[in-house]
Every structure is written in C-alpha cells, then in structure tokens.
Protein backbone atom coordinates (compact mmCIF):
# COMPACT_ATOMS: atom_id res chain seq x y z
CA MET A 1 45.09 -56.60 21.76
CA ALA A 2 42.31 -54.52 23.32
CA GLU A 3 41.10 -51.39 21.54
CA PRO A 4 42.22 -48.27 23.45
CA CYS A 5 39.24 -47.54 25.58
CA PRO A 6 37.88 -45.82 23.38
CA ARG A 7 41.08 -44.29 22.09
CA GLY A 8 41.93 -41.05 23.84
CA LEU A 9 38.67 -41.12 25.76
CA SER A 10 39.69 -42.77 29.03
CA SER A 11 42.06 -39.94 30.00
CA GLN A 12 39.49 -37.37 28.99
CA LEU A 13 36.92 -39.00 31.23
CA ARG A 14 39.32 -38.89 34.17
CA ARG A 15 40.23 -35.25 33.65
CA ARG A 16 36.98 -33.62 32.60
CA GLN A 17 33.38 -34.21 31.68
CA SER A 18 32.43 -34.08 28.03
CA LEU A 19 30.79 -30.91 26.75
CA ALA A 20 27.42 -32.59 26.45
CA ARG A 21 27.45 -34.18 29.89
CA GLY A 22 28.92 -31.04 31.43
CA ALA A 23 26.21 -28.85 29.95
CA ILE A 24 23.40 -30.99 31.32
CA ALA A 25 25.21 -31.67 34.60
CA GLU A 26 25.52 -27.93 35.21
CA ILE A 27 21.74 -27.59 35.11
CA LEU A 28 21.20 -30.73 37.20
CA ASP A 29 23.71 -29.83 39.90
CA ALA A 30 22.19 -26.40 40.40
CA SER A 31 18.72 -27.91 40.71
CA LEU A 32 19.55 -30.94 42.85
CA SER A 33 21.52 -28.91 45.38
CA GLU A 34 18.45 -26.75 46.00
CA LYS A 35 15.98 -29.58 46.62
CA PRO A 36 15.94 -31.59 49.88
CA VAL A 37 15.39 -35.32 49.36
CA HIS A 38 13.36 -37.28 51.90
CA LEU A 39 15.18 -40.62 51.72
CA HIS A 40 12.97 -42.32 54.29
CA LEU A 41 9.94 -41.73 52.04
CA TYR A 42 11.84 -42.92 48.97
CA ALA A 43 13.00 -46.16 50.65
CA LYS A 44 9.43 -47.32 51.25
CA ARG A 45 8.71 -47.38 47.53
CA VAL A 46 11.60 -49.67 46.51
CA LYS A 47 10.67 -53.16 45.28
CA THR A 48 13.10 -56.10 45.58
CA PHE A 49 13.19 -59.09 43.26
CA ARG A 50 14.70 -62.55 42.74
CA PHE A 51 14.27 -64.33 39.41
CA LYS A 52 16.14 -65.62 36.37
CA ARG A 53 15.83 -63.84 33.04
CA LYS A 54 16.82 -63.89 29.37
CA PRO A 55 18.35 -60.41 28.91
CA VAL A 56 17.67 -59.75 25.23
CA LYS A 57 14.08 -61.06 25.23
CA THR A 58 13.36 -59.26 28.49
CA ALA A 59 14.75 -56.00 27.09
CA VAL A 60 12.83 -56.22 23.80
CA ASP A 61 9.58 -57.03 25.60
CA ALA A 62 10.12 -54.30 28.20
CA LEU A 63 10.98 -51.61 25.66
CA ALA A 64 7.87 -52.46 23.64
CA ALA A 65 5.61 -52.62 26.69
CA TYR A 66 6.80 -49.47 28.46
CA GLY A 67 7.42 -47.46 25.30
CA GLY A 68 3.90 -48.18 24.11
CA LYS A 69 2.34 -46.74 27.26
CA VAL A 70 2.65 -43.16 26.02
CA GLU A 71 1.19 -43.65 22.52
CA LYS A 72 -2.20 -42.24 23.44
CA LEU A 73 -0.72 -39.27 25.29
CA ILE A 74 1.60 -38.50 22.36
CA GLU A 75 -1.25 -38.49 19.83
CA GLN A 76 -3.57 -36.47 22.07
CA SER A 77 -0.85 -33.90 22.72
CA LEU A 78 0.03 -33.58 19.03
CA LEU A 79 -3.60 -33.05 18.01
CA ARG A 80 -4.25 -30.40 20.68
CA HIS A 81 -4.64 -27.01 18.90
CA ALA A 82 -4.08 -28.70 15.50
CA ASP A 83 -6.32 -28.24 12.45
CA PRO A 84 -7.99 -31.58 11.60
CA GLU A 85 -6.82 -31.15 7.99
CA PHE A 86 -3.24 -31.31 9.27
CA ALA A 87 -3.75 -34.37 11.49
CA ASP A 88 -2.61 -37.06 9.06
CA ALA A 89 0.71 -35.34 8.40
CA ILE A 90 1.27 -34.61 12.10
CA LEU A 91 0.66 -38.21 13.15
CA TYR A 92 2.49 -39.84 10.24
CA PRO A 93 6.00 -39.98 11.85
CA ILE A 94 4.57 -41.50 15.04
CA ARG A 95 2.36 -44.01 13.26
CA THR A 96 5.09 -45.37 10.98
CA GLY A 97 6.57 -47.23 13.93
CA GLY A 98 9.78 -46.94 15.89
CA LYS A 99 11.17 -48.84 18.85
CA ARG A 100 10.17 -46.23 21.50
CA VAL A 101 13.45 -46.88 23.30
CA ARG A 102 13.67 -43.39 24.79
CA PRO A 103 10.23 -43.14 26.44
CA ALA A 104 10.66 -46.68 27.74
CA LEU A 105 13.96 -45.64 29.35
CA THR A 106 12.27 -42.62 30.92
CA ILE A 107 9.56 -44.79 32.48
CA LEU A 108 12.01 -47.51 33.58
CA SER A 109 14.34 -44.90 35.10
CA CYS A 110 11.41 -43.43 37.01
CA LEU A 111 10.41 -46.88 38.29
CA ALA A 112 14.03 -47.75 39.16
CA SER A 113 14.14 -44.51 41.17
CA GLY A 114 11.06 -45.42 43.18
CA GLY A 115 8.45 -43.51 41.20
CA SER A 116 5.33 -44.67 39.37
CA GLU A 117 4.72 -45.11 35.65
CA GLU A 118 2.22 -42.27 35.56
CA GLN A 119 4.72 -39.79 37.00
CA ALA A 120 6.96 -40.37 33.98
CA TYR A 121 4.38 -40.16 31.19
CA PRO A 122 4.62 -36.44 30.29
CA ALA A 123 8.43 -36.47 30.17
CA ALA A 124 8.49 -39.81 28.34
CA ALA A 125 6.13 -38.52 25.66
CA ALA A 126 8.19 -35.34 25.34
CA VAL A 127 11.42 -37.29 24.86
CA GLU A 128 9.89 -39.36 22.06
CA LEU A 129 8.70 -36.20 20.33
CA VAL A 130 12.17 -34.64 20.55
CA HIS A 131 13.52 -37.82 18.97
CA ASN A 132 10.99 -37.78 16.12
CA TYR A 133 11.45 -34.04 15.65
CA SER A 134 15.18 -34.63 15.17
CA LEU A 135 14.52 -37.51 12.75
CA ILE A 136 12.24 -35.35 10.60
CA LEU A 137 14.99 -32.76 10.27
CA ASP A 138 17.68 -35.42 9.83
CA ASP A 139 15.78 -36.95 6.91
CA ILE A 140 15.43 -33.54 5.28
CA ILE A 141 19.11 -32.71 5.76
CA ASP A 142 20.30 -36.09 4.45
CA HIS A 143 17.66 -36.27 1.67
CA SER A 144 16.61 -39.67 3.09
CA GLU A 145 13.57 -41.11 1.34
CA VAL A 146 12.90 -44.21 3.49
CA ARG A 147 12.61 -44.69 7.24
CA ARG A 148 11.06 -47.65 9.06
CA SER A 149 10.36 -49.20 5.64
CA GLN A 150 8.07 -46.26 4.78
CA PRO A 151 8.54 -43.02 2.82
CA THR A 152 9.95 -40.30 5.05
CA LEU A 153 7.67 -37.43 6.04
CA TRP A 154 9.16 -34.94 3.57
CA LYS A 155 9.05 -37.51 0.76
CA LYS A 156 5.37 -38.30 1.36
CA TYR A 157 4.00 -34.83 2.20
CA GLY A 158 6.61 -32.42 0.82
CA LEU A 159 9.43 -30.40 2.30
CA SER A 160 7.38 -27.43 3.52
CA THR A 161 4.88 -29.65 5.33
CA ALA A 162 7.66 -31.66 6.98
CA ILE A 163 9.27 -28.50 8.35
CA LEU A 164 5.93 -27.33 9.75
CA VAL A 165 5.34 -30.72 11.41
CA ALA A 166 8.80 -30.53 13.00
CA VAL A 167 8.00 -27.12 14.51
CA HIS A 168 4.66 -28.48 15.75
CA TYR A 169 6.48 -31.36 17.48
CA ARG A 170 8.95 -29.04 19.19
CA GLU A 171 6.19 -26.86 20.63
CA THR A 172 4.26 -29.92 21.80
CA VAL A 173 7.36 -30.93 23.78
CA SER A 174 7.14 -27.68 25.76
CA GLU A 175 3.45 -28.26 26.48
CA LEU A 176 4.15 -31.76 27.80
CA LEU A 177 7.04 -30.64 29.99
CA ASN A 178 4.77 -28.08 31.63
CA GLU A 179 3.04 -31.11 33.19
CA THR A 180 6.23 -32.38 34.90
CA PRO A 181 7.17 -31.84 38.57
CA ASP A 182 9.52 -28.94 37.72
CA PRO A 183 8.56 -27.42 34.35
CA LYS A 184 11.34 -24.81 34.41
CA LEU A 185 14.06 -27.41 35.01
CA PHE A 186 12.65 -29.93 32.52
CA ASN A 187 12.27 -27.29 29.80
CA GLU A 188 15.76 -25.96 30.45
CA ILE A 189 17.26 -29.45 30.09
CA ALA A 190 15.18 -30.08 26.96
CA ALA A 191 16.29 -26.81 25.36
CA ARG A 192 19.95 -27.55 26.07
CA THR A 193 19.49 -31.08 24.75
CA VAL A 194 18.00 -29.89 21.45
CA LYS A 195 20.81 -27.35 21.01
CA LEU A 196 23.38 -30.10 21.51
CA ILE A 197 21.57 -32.36 19.03
CA VAL A 198 21.68 -29.52 16.50
CA ASP A 199 25.41 -29.13 17.05
CA GLY A 200 25.90 -32.88 16.66
CA GLU A 201 24.03 -32.80 13.36
CA ARG A 202 26.18 -29.87 12.25
CA LEU A 203 29.37 -31.77 13.01
CA ASP A 204 28.06 -34.88 11.25
CA ILE A 205 27.54 -32.83 8.09
CA LEU A 206 30.96 -31.16 8.35
CA PHE A 207 32.59 -34.60 8.56
CA GLU A 208 31.33 -35.46 5.05
CA PRO A 209 34.24 -35.22 2.58
CA ALA A 210 31.95 -34.49 -0.40
CA GLY A 211 28.46 -33.41 -1.40
CA ARG A 212 26.36 -30.33 -0.48
CA ARG A 213 28.18 -28.21 -3.06
CA ASP A 214 25.42 -25.57 -2.97
CA GLU A 215 25.74 -24.98 0.81
CA PRO A 216 28.41 -22.27 1.42
CA TYR A 217 28.82 -22.81 5.18
CA ILE A 218 29.37 -26.55 4.76
CA VAL A 219 31.81 -26.13 1.87
CA SER A 220 33.83 -23.50 3.78
CA ASN A 221 33.97 -25.36 7.10
CA ARG A 222 34.21 -28.98 5.98
CA ARG A 223 36.62 -30.99 8.16
CA ARG A 224 39.65 -32.12 6.19
CA HIS A 225 40.57 -34.66 8.86
CA VAL A 226 38.23 -36.47 11.27
CA SER A 227 39.73 -38.19 14.32
CA LEU A 228 38.14 -40.79 16.58
CA ASN A 229 37.80 -38.15 19.29
CA ASP A 230 36.02 -35.87 16.80
CA TYR A 231 33.62 -38.75 16.17
CA PHE A 232 32.95 -39.22 19.90
CA ALA A 233 32.30 -35.49 20.30
CA MET A 234 29.78 -35.64 17.46
CA ILE A 235 27.81 -38.71 18.58
CA GLU A 236 27.58 -37.61 22.20
CA ARG A 237 25.71 -34.54 20.97
CA LYS A 238 23.73 -36.10 18.15
CA THR A 239 22.62 -39.28 19.93
CA ALA A 240 23.88 -39.86 23.47
CA VAL A 241 22.62 -36.63 25.01
CA LEU A 242 18.95 -37.43 24.26
CA ILE A 243 19.17 -40.91 25.77
CA GLN A 244 20.95 -39.34 28.74
CA THR A 245 18.12 -36.83 29.06
CA ALA A 246 15.50 -39.60 28.79
CA CYS A 247 16.99 -41.35 31.82
CA GLU A 248 17.46 -38.11 33.78
CA PHE A 249 13.85 -37.15 33.13
CA GLY A 250 12.72 -40.48 34.59
CA ALA A 251 14.69 -40.00 37.78
CA LEU A 252 13.63 -36.36 38.10
CA SER A 253 9.98 -37.32 37.53
CA ALA A 254 10.29 -39.65 40.53
CA ARG A 255 11.92 -36.86 42.60
CA ALA A 256 14.80 -39.27 43.17
CA PRO A 257 17.86 -38.60 45.35
CA PRO A 258 20.69 -36.73 43.58
CA ASP A 259 22.97 -39.79 43.51
CA TYR A 260 20.35 -41.76 41.61
CA VAL A 261 19.73 -38.94 39.14
CA ARG A 262 23.45 -38.74 38.39
CA ALA A 263 23.77 -42.53 38.13
CA LEU A 264 20.96 -42.71 35.58
CA SER A 265 22.40 -39.73 33.74
CA GLU A 266 25.73 -41.54 33.34
CA TYR A 267 23.94 -44.76 32.41
CA GLY A 268 21.97 -42.95 29.71
CA TYR A 269 25.04 -41.23 28.32
CA SER A 270 27.06 -44.45 28.04
CA LEU A 271 24.08 -46.35 26.67
CA GLY A 272 23.57 -43.63 24.07
CA MET A 273 27.19 -43.80 22.96
CA ALA A 274 26.92 -47.59 22.63
CA PHE A 275 23.62 -47.22 20.77
CA GLN A 276 25.11 -44.93 18.10
CA VAL A 277 28.22 -47.04 17.59
CA GLY A 278 25.89 -50.02 17.17
CA ASP A 279 23.77 -48.06 14.69
CA ASP A 280 26.86 -47.33 12.63
CA ILE A 281 27.75 -51.02 12.53
CA ILE A 282 24.20 -51.92 11.49
CA ASP A 283 24.21 -49.29 8.73
CA ILE A 284 27.10 -51.07 7.02
CA PHE A 285 26.42 -54.71 7.92
CA GLY A 286 22.69 -54.81 8.70
CA VAL A 287 19.91 -56.59 6.81
CA GLU A 288 17.50 -54.21 5.08
CA GLU A 289 14.44 -56.34 5.89
CA LYS A 290 15.27 -56.01 9.60
CA THR A 291 16.49 -52.42 9.74
CA GLY A 292 13.85 -50.82 7.51
CA LYS A 293 16.62 -48.67 5.99
CA VAL A 294 18.84 -49.01 2.95
CA VAL A 295 22.09 -50.77 3.90
CA GLY A 296 25.12 -48.58 3.28
CA GLY A 297 23.15 -45.34 3.52
CA ASP A 298 26.07 -43.67 5.30
CA ILE A 299 28.32 -44.53 2.35
CA ARG A 300 25.92 -42.88 -0.09
CA GLU A 301 25.82 -39.83 2.20
CA HIS A 302 29.67 -39.66 2.39
CA LYS A 303 29.65 -40.04 6.18
CA LEU A 304 32.99 -40.22 7.95
CA GLY A 305 30.75 -39.71 10.98
CA ASN A 306 30.21 -43.49 10.87
CA ILE A 307 32.77 -45.17 13.10
CA VAL A 308 33.10 -48.26 10.89
CA LEU A 309 33.94 -46.14 7.84
CA LEU A 310 36.21 -43.88 9.88
CA LEU A 311 38.21 -46.81 11.30
CA ALA A 312 38.48 -48.46 7.88
CA VAL A 313 39.84 -45.26 6.33
CA GLU A 314 42.16 -44.86 9.32
CA GLU A 315 43.58 -48.32 8.57
CA GLY A 316 44.67 -47.02 5.19
CA SER A 317 41.83 -47.89 2.81
CA GLU A 318 42.50 -45.12 0.28
CA LYS A 319 40.03 -46.61 -2.19
CA LEU A 320 37.29 -46.31 0.43
CA ARG A 321 38.22 -42.66 0.99
CA GLU A 322 37.99 -42.11 -2.77
CA ILE A 323 34.47 -43.56 -2.86
CA LEU A 324 33.34 -41.43 0.09
CA SER A 325 34.81 -38.35 -1.62
CA LYS A 326 32.79 -38.84 -4.82
CA ASN A 327 29.97 -36.37 -5.30
CA ASP A 328 27.70 -39.09 -6.69
CA VAL A 329 27.99 -42.51 -5.03
CA THR A 330 26.42 -45.37 -7.00
CA SER A 331 25.00 -48.70 -5.82
CA GLU A 332 28.11 -50.41 -7.18
CA ASP A 333 30.27 -48.00 -5.17
CA ILE A 334 28.37 -48.98 -2.02
CA LYS A 335 28.90 -52.70 -2.65
CA GLU A 336 32.61 -52.11 -3.26
CA ALA A 337 32.92 -49.93 -0.16
CA ILE A 338 31.32 -52.57 2.07
CA GLU A 339 33.70 -55.19 0.69
CA LEU A 340 36.65 -52.88 1.37
CA VAL A 341 35.46 -52.41 4.96
CA ARG A 342 35.20 -56.20 5.39
CA ARG A 343 38.91 -56.49 4.60
CA THR A 344 39.79 -54.32 7.60
CA SER A 345 39.38 -54.82 11.35
CA ALA A 346 36.99 -51.84 11.53
CA ARG A 347 33.93 -53.88 12.49
CA GLU A 348 35.70 -55.75 15.29
CA ARG A 349 37.20 -52.52 16.65
CA ALA A 350 33.83 -50.77 16.56
CA GLU A 351 32.19 -53.69 18.37
CA ARG A 352 34.81 -53.51 21.12
CA ILE A 353 34.17 -49.80 21.56
CA ARG A 354 30.39 -50.37 21.68
CA ASN A 355 30.82 -53.13 24.25
CA ASP A 356 33.09 -50.94 26.36
CA TYR A 357 30.36 -48.30 26.56
CA VAL A 358 27.84 -50.98 27.51
CA GLN A 359 30.09 -51.99 30.41
CA ARG A 360 30.28 -48.35 31.49
CA ALA A 361 26.48 -48.16 31.42
CA LEU A 362 26.18 -51.29 33.57
CA LYS A 363 28.67 -49.94 36.10
CA ALA A 364 26.82 -46.63 36.30
CA LEU A 365 23.75 -48.44 37.68
CA GLU A 366 25.59 -49.65 40.79
CA PRO A 367 24.34 -46.89 43.15
CA LEU A 368 20.70 -47.80 42.48
CA PRO A 369 18.89 -50.26 44.76
CA GLU A 370 18.33 -53.78 43.41
CA THR A 371 14.87 -53.76 41.87
CA GLU A 372 13.16 -55.44 38.95
CA TYR A 373 13.47 -52.19 37.01
CA LYS A 374 17.20 -51.86 37.58
CA SER A 375 17.55 -55.40 36.26
CA ILE A 376 15.57 -54.49 33.14
CA LEU A 377 17.86 -51.49 32.59
CA ARG A 378 20.78 -53.93 32.71
CA ASP A 379 19.01 -56.13 30.17
CA VAL A 380 18.51 -53.13 27.88
CA ALA A 381 22.27 -52.49 27.95
CA VAL A 382 22.93 -56.12 26.98
CA PHE A 383 20.34 -55.81 24.20
CA ILE A 384 22.13 -52.73 22.82
CA MET A 385 25.29 -54.82 22.63
CA LYS A 386 23.57 -57.62 20.70
CA ARG A 387 20.92 -55.89 18.59
CA GLU A 388 20.86 -56.29 14.81
CA HIS A 389 18.34 -53.56 13.92
C-alpha cells in the first residue's frame, strides 16, 4: 500500500502554498511582474543535447565540478576586511570539506535558464556561505563535536570565536549579493530565507521531548505531540527553503523568464524536502566512515524532528519514545533505538516519501527547454534518491 503522499500534504499543496514557498514566492512574483523578459534573446542561448548517461555518477561529478568553481571567490570574499590573525578560524568551516550541493545547483540552474557560469558565481558563493553559517550555529545549538570527520568550529576554536565567524559569514553574504543583477531582490530573498531557516531550527528544537533543561523558552514551549505535517513544516524551513533559494538565484542570475524561475523554485523546494528526508534516513542507517558524522546522532539529541524516528514512534514503539525522552542518552541506548526502528516500517515509509518528493522535483523541470544542464538537474534528483552520505 502506498504511503499517503506525503500524508496530509497532497491536499495542502492543492489548496495553498506552504509558508516557506509562499514567503519567497511573494517576493518573486512582485519582482518578476515588473521585469520584461526578452524571450527571443533568451532562446538563442539554449543548448540542445543527445547522449546517454549514468545518473548517479553524472550527478556526483557535476556537483563536485560546478560546486568547486566558487571556492576561490568564497575564500577571497571571506578574507576581505578580515584581520589575518582571524583567517584560519574564518576559513576552517569551508576548508573542512562539504559537498557544495547548493552552489552547484545555483550554477546549474543558471545554465539551464540560458545564462553563463560566471553570472551565477556571486549568488552561488553566497548560498554556500548561508549554508555554512547555518551549520556553524546548528553545531553550537546541538553541541555537535564532529562534522565532516573533523572537529566542529566551536569545538576547535571555542564558542565565542564560532559565533563571531558565523556573523562574519552572514555579512559576507550581503557583500556577495551586492554583485548580483538585482542586489535588492537577492538580499531580500536571502534575508527571508535566513529567517525561515531560523524558524525551522526553532521548531526542530521544540520537537525534542527532553534535554535543554536550562533553556526556559524551550522548556515552556516544547511540543508534546509532533505530527508528520509538523515535521514537513519544520524541514521546509530548515532545509528545503535554502535549496529552493539556490535554484531561484541561478535562474534570476540568468535573468530567466518568470516561468523558468518558478519551475526551478519548485524543483529546489521538492529537492530540498527529499534531501532532508534522505538525511534523516542516513542519520539512523548510514555508515560513519561515509557520512563523516556519528550514526544515531539524532537519537542522542532526542530528535523527533527525524522522520524515521517520528514514524517509528507513530507505529507504537513506546520503548523508543522512552529512550528519546531520557535526558542522557547512552551509546547502548542508541544501539537499542536503532534496533527498535529496524523492527518497524519507518525506513521504508520514509524512503517512499523521499522518492515522492524526487518525482515532484523531476516534474517541476518540465517547463524548461531540453538542455544538458536540465538533464544534469534530473540526475541530481536521482542521486538524492540513491545517496548514502
């Protein structure tokens, strides 16, 4: 029997846009309606293609190749106006690795919209810095000590330094977006995106059934019950909205027609939802050597904001709920929790939901002309469905 698609979400999508998409769409619609699009000029830039491909390998290679194109710009931008004594700490989050999925999507979306790589570079670099800025804060909030197989920024340099680096990243984003075709629009979208990410992080914390006993707001507002729709509302803010923005920025950098901007916006949103559901699956069932993170980290952090854990508890695993509600979760608790999850259908249900969002992302690309870059965006969606880290 097919998982409801995702449960409660299909009717919502027919009746209204989500808060996150609606917030960004409001800005986009106002801007796009004001700007004439010269379609005859756009059409001349489109490239057609005919070749066979291996989707996952193509996606991995493309993400690495295109994402890596902004490394130099990112480092130069971060070091502008920075004291040399502070340089090592500033560059540490960028130099510890990362897949660079978001800047790659910005560049690919620009190319798929008829633009050039160079047009997308400032926005692509900005998107990656927003992502790393959010990770720095996420690691502080969750007390995470390892990311990408390395000590997290706060663990290596201290809490105060990590907060200062995060602020430095956010201001560098604004500088980069001043180099885009429409700085006011790009900065407005970025500001709204960051606010939504903050709200997503807030919800993620409130979904935790235990922990943070010294934080009055969290203790007073903790959610006693978390539904699947609550989960979707949280991940669209925390994860999907930034991937949506990455794709929008690419199309806007190319000065693409409104239909293409909206198509890539919907593609990015659905891809982002699939990405986070996949991340949740990997957190519970991944291999530490591949992921660079401790397996079961969401169990240690009491996260009902992980769809696998949420579905397992929903199926009636009271023992799992007990473990997640403990103030101090041990390594043995994590092993037991993973085994309890394996006894449910939570993984299979989560995979169906992830795959459904991938299909939505693929469908969203239909209005775009057939180009090599559109095909790579399809491959990226397939990769999200199959990735293991």
